[in-house]
Amino acid sequence: QVQLVESGGGLVQPGGSLRLSCAASGSAVSTYGMGWYRQAPGKQREWVATITSGGRTNYADSVKGRFTISRDNAKNTVFLQMNSLKPEDTAVYYCAADPQTRKLQIGSPGYWGQGTQVTVSS
């Protein structure tokens, strides 16, 4: 069983930055693919970024060049550094994990966190 706990959300002005963290617990989680999704009010949940156990990353076009996903396998933690934030980035951000990274990219990870709210507003 894998548990994921996100932190780091909050209110930020347009153009600002936030860093989200996701602490993972459970056996072998360091070998899992990890990722972030987000869900804005009234919209479907959308994939944001993924990172393999070996550190290979992939991003949605809407965040490419502004967001960076990284992981610390020794601490079983994945991060999402968000820069140049826009009002349209406002959403609940969810951490996800799966032994198969491809499941993260098709919206079917086996494990989800509870989410953390990010609000971008002046």
N, C-alpha and C. Protein backbone atom coordinates (compact mmCIF):
# COMPACT_ATOMS: atom_id res chain seq x y z
N GLN A 1 0.85 -1.19 0.00
CA GLN A 1 0.00 0.00 0.00
C GLN A 1 0.89 1.25 0.00
N VAL A 2 0.54 2.20 -0.84
CA VAL A 2 1.28 3.46 -0.96
C VAL A 2 0.38 4.59 -0.50
N GLN A 3 0.93 5.45 0.32
CA GLN A 3 0.21 6.66 0.73
C GLN A 3 0.97 7.88 0.26
N LEU A 4 0.24 8.87 -0.22
CA LEU A 4 0.82 10.09 -0.76
C LEU A 4 0.23 11.29 -0.04
N VAL A 5 1.09 12.19 0.42
CA VAL A 5 0.64 13.38 1.14
C VAL A 5 1.27 14.61 0.52
N GLU A 6 0.43 15.48 -0.05
CA GLU A 6 0.91 16.70 -0.69
C GLU A 6 0.98 17.85 0.31
N SER A 7 1.84 18.79 0.01
CA SER A 7 1.93 20.03 0.80
C SER A 7 2.50 21.12 -0.10
N GLY A 8 2.37 22.37 0.37
CA GLY A 8 3.00 23.47 -0.34
C GLY A 8 2.06 24.36 -1.13
N GLY A 9 0.78 24.01 -1.18
CA GLY A 9 -0.15 24.86 -1.90
C GLY A 9 -0.41 26.16 -1.18
N GLY A 10 -1.12 27.07 -1.85
CA GLY A 10 -1.44 28.35 -1.23
C GLY A 10 -1.88 29.36 -2.25
N LEU A 11 -1.90 30.61 -1.82
CA LEU A 11 -2.29 31.74 -2.66
C LEU A 11 -1.03 32.47 -3.12
N VAL A 12 -0.95 32.73 -4.41
CA VAL A 12 0.20 33.41 -4.97
C VAL A 12 -0.27 34.37 -6.05
N GLN A 13 0.45 35.46 -6.24
CA GLN A 13 0.10 36.43 -7.28
C GLN A 13 0.56 35.93 -8.65
N PRO A 14 -0.10 36.39 -9.69
CA PRO A 14 0.36 36.04 -11.05
C PRO A 14 1.83 36.40 -11.23
N GLY A 15 2.55 35.48 -11.86
CA GLY A 15 3.99 35.65 -12.05
C GLY A 15 4.83 35.10 -10.92
N GLY A 16 4.18 34.70 -9.85
CA GLY A 16 4.89 34.18 -8.69
C GLY A 16 5.22 32.71 -8.82
N SER A 17 5.78 32.16 -7.73
CA SER A 17 6.24 30.77 -7.72
C SER A 17 5.72 30.04 -6.48
N LEU A 18 5.56 28.75 -6.63
CA LEU A 18 5.25 27.86 -5.51
C LEU A 18 5.98 26.55 -5.75
N ARG A 19 6.28 25.85 -4.66
CA ARG A 19 6.88 24.53 -4.75
C ARG A 19 6.01 23.54 -3.97
N LEU A 20 5.46 22.58 -4.70
CA LEU A 20 4.67 21.54 -4.08
C LEU A 20 5.55 20.34 -3.75
N SER A 21 5.21 19.68 -2.66
CA SER A 21 5.91 18.47 -2.26
C SER A 21 4.91 17.34 -2.09
N CYS A 22 5.38 16.12 -2.32
CA CYS A 22 4.54 14.94 -2.13
C CYS A 22 5.40 13.89 -1.45
N ALA A 23 5.05 13.59 -0.21
CA ALA A 23 5.77 12.58 0.55
C ALA A 23 5.07 11.24 0.36
N ALA A 24 5.83 10.25 -0.07
CA ALA A 24 5.28 8.93 -0.34
C ALA A 24 5.77 7.93 0.68
N SER A 25 4.88 7.05 1.10
CA SER A 25 5.26 5.97 2.01
C SER A 25 4.79 4.65 1.42
N GLY A 26 5.54 3.61 1.73
CA GLY A 26 5.20 2.30 1.19
C GLY A 26 6.42 1.64 0.59
N SER A 27 6.38 0.34 0.53
CA SER A 27 7.53 -0.40 0.04
C SER A 27 7.72 -0.18 -1.45
N ALA A 28 8.97 -0.07 -1.85
CA ALA A 28 9.37 0.02 -3.26
C ALA A 28 8.89 1.27 -3.97
N VAL A 29 8.38 2.27 -3.24
CA VAL A 29 7.85 3.45 -3.91
C VAL A 29 8.94 4.20 -4.67
N SER A 30 10.19 4.04 -4.26
CA SER A 30 11.28 4.70 -4.99
C SER A 30 11.43 4.15 -6.40
N THR A 31 10.85 3.01 -6.68
CA THR A 31 10.91 2.43 -8.02
C THR A 31 9.69 2.78 -8.87
N TYR A 32 8.77 3.52 -8.30
CA TYR A 32 7.53 3.89 -8.99
C TYR A 32 7.71 5.13 -9.83
N GLY A 33 6.92 5.24 -10.88
CA GLY A 33 6.74 6.51 -11.55
C GLY A 33 5.88 7.40 -10.66
N MET A 34 6.15 8.69 -10.68
CA MET A 34 5.40 9.66 -9.88
C MET A 34 4.93 10.79 -10.80
N GLY A 35 3.86 11.44 -10.39
CA GLY A 35 3.37 12.52 -11.23
C GLY A 35 2.45 13.47 -10.51
N TRP A 36 2.08 14.51 -11.22
CA TRP A 36 1.15 15.51 -10.72
C TRP A 36 0.01 15.70 -11.72
N TYR A 37 -1.17 15.84 -11.17
CA TYR A 37 -2.36 16.20 -11.91
C TYR A 37 -2.95 17.45 -11.27
N ARG A 38 -3.90 18.07 -11.96
CA ARG A 38 -4.63 19.18 -11.37
C ARG A 38 -6.07 19.18 -11.86
N GLN A 39 -6.94 19.76 -11.03
CA GLN A 39 -8.34 19.87 -11.39
C GLN A 39 -8.84 21.25 -11.00
N ALA A 40 -9.20 22.01 -12.02
CA ALA A 40 -9.75 23.35 -11.80
C ALA A 40 -11.27 23.25 -11.59
N PRO A 41 -11.87 24.23 -10.95
CA PRO A 41 -13.32 24.20 -10.71
C PRO A 41 -14.10 24.03 -12.02
N GLY A 42 -15.00 23.06 -12.04
CA GLY A 42 -15.84 22.84 -13.20
C GLY A 42 -15.16 22.15 -14.37
N LYS A 43 -13.92 21.70 -14.16
CA LYS A 43 -13.17 21.06 -15.25
C LYS A 43 -12.74 19.65 -14.85
N GLN A 44 -12.39 18.86 -15.84
CA GLN A 44 -11.89 17.52 -15.57
C GLN A 44 -10.45 17.58 -15.06
N ARG A 45 -10.09 16.56 -14.33
CA ARG A 45 -8.71 16.45 -13.87
C ARG A 45 -7.80 16.30 -15.08
N GLU A 46 -6.68 17.01 -15.07
CA GLU A 46 -5.74 16.92 -16.19
C GLU A 46 -4.34 16.59 -15.70
N TRP A 47 -3.62 15.88 -16.54
CA TRP A 47 -2.24 15.49 -16.24
C TRP A 47 -1.34 16.72 -16.38
N VAL A 48 -0.37 16.86 -15.47
CA VAL A 48 0.55 17.99 -15.49
C VAL A 48 1.97 17.55 -15.84
N ALA A 49 2.49 16.56 -15.11
CA ALA A 49 3.88 16.14 -15.31
C ALA A 49 4.10 14.77 -14.69
N THR A 50 5.09 14.07 -15.22
CA THR A 50 5.49 12.79 -14.65
C THR A 50 7.01 12.69 -14.59
N ILE A 51 7.47 11.82 -13.71
CA ILE A 51 8.90 11.53 -13.60
C ILE A 51 9.07 10.05 -13.32
N THR A 52 9.96 9.41 -14.06
CA THR A 52 10.22 7.99 -13.85
C THR A 52 11.12 7.81 -12.64
N SER A 53 11.28 6.56 -12.22
CA SER A 53 12.18 6.28 -11.10
C SER A 53 13.61 6.69 -11.42
N GLY A 54 13.94 6.69 -12.70
CA GLY A 54 15.28 7.07 -13.12
C GLY A 54 15.45 8.54 -13.39
N GLY A 55 14.36 9.32 -13.25
CA GLY A 55 14.47 10.77 -13.39
C GLY A 55 14.05 11.34 -14.73
N ARG A 56 13.55 10.51 -15.63
CA ARG A 56 13.08 11.03 -16.92
C ARG A 56 11.77 11.77 -16.71
N THR A 57 11.64 12.96 -17.30
CA THR A 57 10.46 13.79 -17.07
C THR A 57 9.66 14.01 -18.34
N ASN A 58 8.39 14.36 -18.13
CA ASN A 58 7.51 14.69 -19.24
C ASN A 58 6.49 15.68 -18.71
N TYR A 59 6.09 16.63 -19.59
CA TYR A 59 5.21 17.72 -19.15
C TYR A 59 4.08 17.96 -20.13
N ALA A 60 2.96 18.42 -19.59
CA ALA A 60 1.88 18.91 -20.43
C ALA A 60 2.33 20.19 -21.11
N ASP A 61 1.85 20.43 -22.33
CA ASP A 61 2.26 21.62 -23.06
C ASP A 61 1.94 22.90 -22.30
N SER A 62 0.87 22.88 -21.52
CA SER A 62 0.42 24.09 -20.83
C SER A 62 1.37 24.54 -19.73
N VAL A 63 2.25 23.65 -19.28
CA VAL A 63 3.16 24.00 -18.18
C VAL A 63 4.63 23.89 -18.59
N LYS A 64 4.89 23.40 -19.78
CA LYS A 64 6.26 23.19 -20.22
C LYS A 64 7.03 24.51 -20.20
N GLY A 65 8.22 24.47 -19.61
CA GLY A 65 9.03 25.68 -19.52
C GLY A 65 8.77 26.50 -18.27
N ARG A 66 7.68 26.21 -17.57
CA ARG A 66 7.35 26.96 -16.34
C ARG A 66 7.41 26.06 -15.10
N PHE A 67 7.04 24.81 -15.26
CA PHE A 67 7.01 23.87 -14.14
C PHE A 67 8.16 22.87 -14.28
N THR A 68 8.68 22.43 -13.13
CA THR A 68 9.73 21.41 -13.10
C THR A 68 9.39 20.36 -12.06
N ILE A 69 9.35 19.11 -12.50
CA ILE A 69 9.13 18.00 -11.58
C ILE A 69 10.47 17.37 -11.24
N SER A 70 10.63 17.00 -9.99
CA SER A 70 11.87 16.35 -9.56
C SER A 70 11.54 15.39 -8.41
N ARG A 71 12.51 14.58 -8.05
CA ARG A 71 12.27 13.63 -6.97
C ARG A 71 13.54 13.37 -6.18
N ASP A 72 13.36 13.05 -4.92
CA ASP A 72 14.44 12.65 -4.04
C ASP A 72 14.11 11.23 -3.58
N ASN A 73 14.71 10.25 -4.23
CA ASN A 73 14.37 8.85 -3.93
C ASN A 73 14.78 8.45 -2.51
N ALA A 74 15.81 9.07 -1.98
CA ALA A 74 16.25 8.74 -0.62
C ALA A 74 15.19 9.14 0.40
N LYS A 75 14.42 10.18 0.07
CA LYS A 75 13.38 10.67 0.98
C LYS A 75 11.98 10.31 0.49
N ASN A 76 11.90 9.57 -0.61
CA ASN A 76 10.59 9.19 -1.18
C ASN A 76 9.69 10.41 -1.35
N THR A 77 10.24 11.45 -1.92
CA THR A 77 9.50 12.70 -2.09
C THR A 77 9.63 13.17 -3.52
N VAL A 78 8.52 13.68 -4.06
CA VAL A 78 8.52 14.27 -5.40
C VAL A 78 8.09 15.73 -5.26
N PHE A 79 8.65 16.57 -6.09
CA PHE A 79 8.41 18.01 -6.02
C PHE A 79 7.84 18.51 -7.35
N LEU A 80 7.13 19.62 -7.27
CA LEU A 80 6.71 20.34 -8.46
C LEU A 80 7.01 21.81 -8.23
N GLN A 81 8.06 22.30 -8.88
CA GLN A 81 8.40 23.71 -8.83
C GLN A 81 7.61 24.43 -9.89
N MET A 82 6.80 25.40 -9.48
CA MET A 82 5.93 26.11 -10.40
C MET A 82 6.34 27.58 -10.44
N ASN A 83 6.79 28.03 -11.60
CA ASN A 83 7.21 29.41 -11.79
C ASN A 83 6.30 30.10 -12.80
N SER A 84 6.36 31.41 -12.83
CA SER A 84 5.57 32.21 -13.78
C SER A 84 4.10 31.78 -13.75
N LEU A 85 3.57 31.67 -12.56
CA LEU A 85 2.20 31.17 -12.41
C LEU A 85 1.18 32.12 -13.01
N LYS A 86 0.13 31.52 -13.57
CA LYS A 86 -0.94 32.26 -14.22
C LYS A 86 -2.27 31.96 -13.51
N PRO A 87 -3.24 32.84 -13.63
CA PRO A 87 -4.55 32.54 -13.01
C PRO A 87 -5.13 31.21 -13.46
N GLU A 88 -4.87 30.83 -14.70
CA GLU A 88 -5.39 29.55 -15.20
C GLU A 88 -4.70 28.33 -14.61
N ASP A 89 -3.65 28.55 -13.82
CA ASP A 89 -3.03 27.44 -13.09
C ASP A 89 -3.77 27.14 -11.79
N THR A 90 -4.74 27.97 -11.44
CA THR A 90 -5.52 27.74 -10.23
C THR A 90 -6.24 26.41 -10.30
N ALA A 91 -6.01 25.56 -9.29
CA ALA A 91 -6.59 24.22 -9.28
C ALA A 91 -6.20 23.51 -7.99
N VAL A 92 -6.84 22.37 -7.76
CA VAL A 92 -6.35 21.44 -6.75
C VAL A 92 -5.32 20.54 -7.44
N TYR A 93 -4.15 20.47 -6.86
CA TYR A 93 -3.06 19.68 -7.44
C TYR A 93 -2.95 18.36 -6.68
N TYR A 94 -2.90 17.28 -7.45
CA TYR A 94 -2.85 15.94 -6.88
C TYR A 94 -1.55 15.24 -7.27
N CYS A 95 -0.97 14.60 -6.29
CA CYS A 95 0.18 13.73 -6.52
C CYS A 95 -0.33 12.34 -6.85
N ALA A 96 0.39 11.63 -7.71
CA ALA A 96 -0.01 10.28 -8.09
C ALA A 96 1.22 9.40 -8.25
N ALA A 97 1.00 8.10 -8.13
CA ALA A 97 2.11 7.15 -8.25
C ALA A 97 1.62 5.84 -8.85
N ASP A 98 2.52 5.17 -9.54
CA ASP A 98 2.20 3.85 -10.09
C ASP A 98 3.50 3.15 -10.46
N PRO A 99 3.52 1.82 -10.33
CA PRO A 99 4.73 1.10 -10.76
C PRO A 99 5.02 1.27 -12.25
N GLN A 100 3.98 1.56 -13.04
CA GLN A 100 4.14 1.77 -14.47
C GLN A 100 3.91 3.24 -14.80
N THR A 101 4.94 3.92 -15.23
CA THR A 101 4.83 5.36 -15.52
C THR A 101 3.78 5.64 -16.59
N ARG A 102 3.60 4.76 -17.54
CA ARG A 102 2.64 5.01 -18.62
C ARG A 102 1.22 5.17 -18.06
N LYS A 103 0.94 4.51 -16.96
CA LYS A 103 -0.40 4.64 -16.36
C LYS A 103 -0.61 6.04 -15.82
N LEU A 104 0.46 6.69 -15.42
CA LEU A 104 0.34 8.08 -14.97
C LEU A 104 -0.04 8.98 -16.14
N GLN A 105 0.52 8.72 -17.29
CA GLN A 105 0.29 9.59 -18.43
C GLN A 105 -1.04 9.34 -19.13
N ILE A 106 -1.70 8.24 -18.82
CA ILE A 106 -3.01 7.99 -19.41
C ILE A 106 -4.12 8.16 -18.38
N GLY A 107 -3.78 8.72 -17.22
CA GLY A 107 -4.79 9.04 -16.23
C GLY A 107 -5.25 7.89 -15.37
N SER A 108 -4.44 6.85 -15.27
CA SER A 108 -4.87 5.67 -14.51
C SER A 108 -3.85 5.22 -13.47
N PRO A 109 -3.29 6.14 -12.69
CA PRO A 109 -2.36 5.69 -11.66
C PRO A 109 -3.07 4.94 -10.55
N GLY A 110 -2.32 4.06 -9.89
CA GLY A 110 -2.92 3.26 -8.85
C GLY A 110 -3.11 3.98 -7.53
N TYR A 111 -2.34 5.06 -7.34
CA TYR A 111 -2.37 5.76 -6.05
C TYR A 111 -2.48 7.26 -6.25
N TRP A 112 -3.29 7.87 -5.38
CA TRP A 112 -3.53 9.31 -5.42
C TRP A 112 -3.35 9.91 -4.02
N GLY A 113 -2.89 11.16 -4.01
CA GLY A 113 -2.90 11.92 -2.77
C GLY A 113 -4.24 12.61 -2.61
N GLN A 114 -4.37 13.36 -1.53
CA GLN A 114 -5.64 14.01 -1.22
C GLN A 114 -5.79 15.37 -1.89
N GLY A 115 -4.70 15.91 -2.40
CA GLY A 115 -4.74 17.18 -3.12
C GLY A 115 -4.36 18.37 -2.27
N THR A 116 -3.83 19.40 -2.93
CA THR A 116 -3.50 20.66 -2.28
C THR A 116 -3.93 21.80 -3.20
N GLN A 117 -4.54 22.82 -2.61
CA GLN A 117 -5.11 23.91 -3.41
C GLN A 117 -4.02 24.92 -3.78
N VAL A 118 -4.00 25.28 -5.04
CA VAL A 118 -3.15 26.37 -5.54
C VAL A 118 -4.07 27.42 -6.16
N THR A 119 -3.96 28.64 -5.65
CA THR A 119 -4.76 29.75 -6.17
C THR A 119 -3.83 30.85 -6.64
N VAL A 120 -3.99 31.23 -7.90
CA VAL A 120 -3.17 32.30 -8.49
C VAL A 120 -4.09 33.49 -8.74
N SER A 121 -3.91 34.53 -7.96
CA SER A 121 -4.80 35.68 -8.05
C SER A 121 -4.13 36.91 -7.47
N SER A 122 -4.48 38.06 -8.03
CA SER A 122 -3.98 39.32 -7.49
C SER A 122 -4.97 39.89 -6.48
